[in-house]
């Protein structure tokens, strides 16, 4: 396994954001938590409705960014939290 993944390519219609050391991205001057597993990588966001964005890591869909709540949720509006 390589120590670093090769750069991911996203279509031009995607907004691409860098996942910082805190596991989040900057969106409209605010922080949105993505995942600590994506630190140092880029995620792509594709607008699917007004203020709703699919958040992907390559071909893997991470969830939806809802600009009203400024968080990434699943398709049912729930946060992914495992204890």
Protein backbone atom coordinates (compact mmCIF):
# COMPACT_ATOMS: atom_id res chain seq x y z
CA UNK A 1 0.00 0.00 0.00
CA UNK A 2 1.31 3.44 -0.84
CA UNK A 3 1.80 5.88 2.03
CA UNK A 4 -0.19 8.53 0.13
CA UNK A 5 -3.03 8.03 -2.33
CA UNK A 6 -2.62 9.39 -5.84
CA UNK A 7 -4.53 12.64 -6.41
CA UNK A 8 -8.24 12.12 -7.01
CA UNK A 9 -9.85 13.68 -10.07
CA UNK A 10 -13.24 15.37 -9.77
CA UNK A 11 -15.43 16.71 -12.63
CA UNK A 12 -15.44 20.46 -13.25
CA UNK A 13 -18.96 20.85 -11.78
CA UNK A 14 -17.67 19.75 -8.34
CA UNK A 15 -16.45 22.07 -5.61
CA UNK A 16 -13.22 20.56 -4.27
CA UNK A 17 -12.14 21.15 -0.67
CA UNK A 18 -9.06 20.12 1.32
CA UNK A 19 -9.74 18.22 4.56
CA UNK A 20 -7.58 19.90 7.20
CA UNK A 21 -5.88 18.41 10.27
CA UNK A 22 -9.08 18.74 12.31
CA UNK A 23 -11.02 16.56 9.84
CA UNK A 24 -13.08 19.44 8.48
CA UNK A 25 -13.46 21.67 5.44
CA UNK A 26 -14.15 25.39 5.14
CA UNK A 27 -17.58 26.09 3.67
CA UNK A 28 -19.00 29.63 3.50
CA UNK A 29 -16.45 30.82 6.09
CA UNK A 30 -17.45 28.10 8.57
CA UNK A 31 -16.04 24.69 9.49
CA UNK A 32 -17.90 21.52 8.51
CA UNK A 33 -16.73 18.21 9.96
CA UNK A 34 -16.06 15.56 7.30
CA UNK A 35 -13.95 12.77 8.81
CA UNK A 36 -10.56 12.37 10.42
CA UNK A 37 -9.89 9.49 8.00
CA UNK A 38 -9.84 12.02 5.12
CA UNK A 39 -7.25 14.33 6.71
CA UNK A 40 -4.82 15.59 4.08
CA UNK A 41 -7.05 14.54 1.16
CA UNK A 42 -9.50 16.38 -1.08
CA UNK A 43 -13.25 15.77 -1.14
CA UNK A 44 -15.63 16.73 -3.92
CA UNK A 45 -19.01 18.38 -3.43
CA UNK A 46 -21.72 18.34 -6.09
CA UNK A 47 -24.84 20.46 -5.67
CA UNK A 48 -27.97 18.31 -6.06
CA UNK A 49 -30.56 20.79 -4.76
CA UNK A 50 -30.61 24.33 -3.41
CA UNK A 51 -28.18 24.21 -0.47
CA UNK A 52 -27.80 20.41 -0.59
CA UNK A 53 -24.48 18.94 -1.75
CA UNK A 54 -23.34 15.35 -2.18
CA UNK A 55 -19.96 14.97 -0.47
CA UNK A 56 -17.70 12.35 -2.07
CA UNK A 57 -14.22 10.99 -1.63
CA UNK A 58 -13.37 9.79 -5.13
CA UNK A 59 -16.22 7.43 -6.05
CA UNK A 60 -17.28 6.93 -2.40
CA UNK A 61 -20.26 9.01 -1.27
CA UNK A 62 -19.70 10.23 2.30
CA UNK A 63 -23.08 11.90 2.75
CA UNK A 64 -24.88 15.16 2.06
CA UNK A 65 -23.82 18.60 3.16
CA UNK A 66 -26.88 20.55 4.23
CA UNK A 67 -26.02 24.26 4.21
CA UNK A 68 -28.91 25.08 6.58
CA UNK A 69 -27.44 22.90 9.33
CA UNK A 70 -23.80 23.11 8.15
CA UNK A 71 -23.19 19.41 8.69
CA UNK A 72 -22.81 16.25 6.64
CA UNK A 73 -25.76 13.90 7.03
CA UNK A 74 -26.95 10.61 5.53
CA UNK A 75 -29.89 10.46 3.10
CA UNK A 76 -32.34 10.52 6.04
CA UNK A 77 -30.92 13.62 7.69
CA UNK A 78 -29.01 11.73 10.39
CA UNK A 79 -25.40 12.19 11.40
CA UNK A 80 -23.21 9.09 11.20
CA UNK A 81 -22.16 8.41 14.78
CA UNK A 82 -20.93 5.04 15.98
CA UNK A 83 -20.20 4.35 19.63
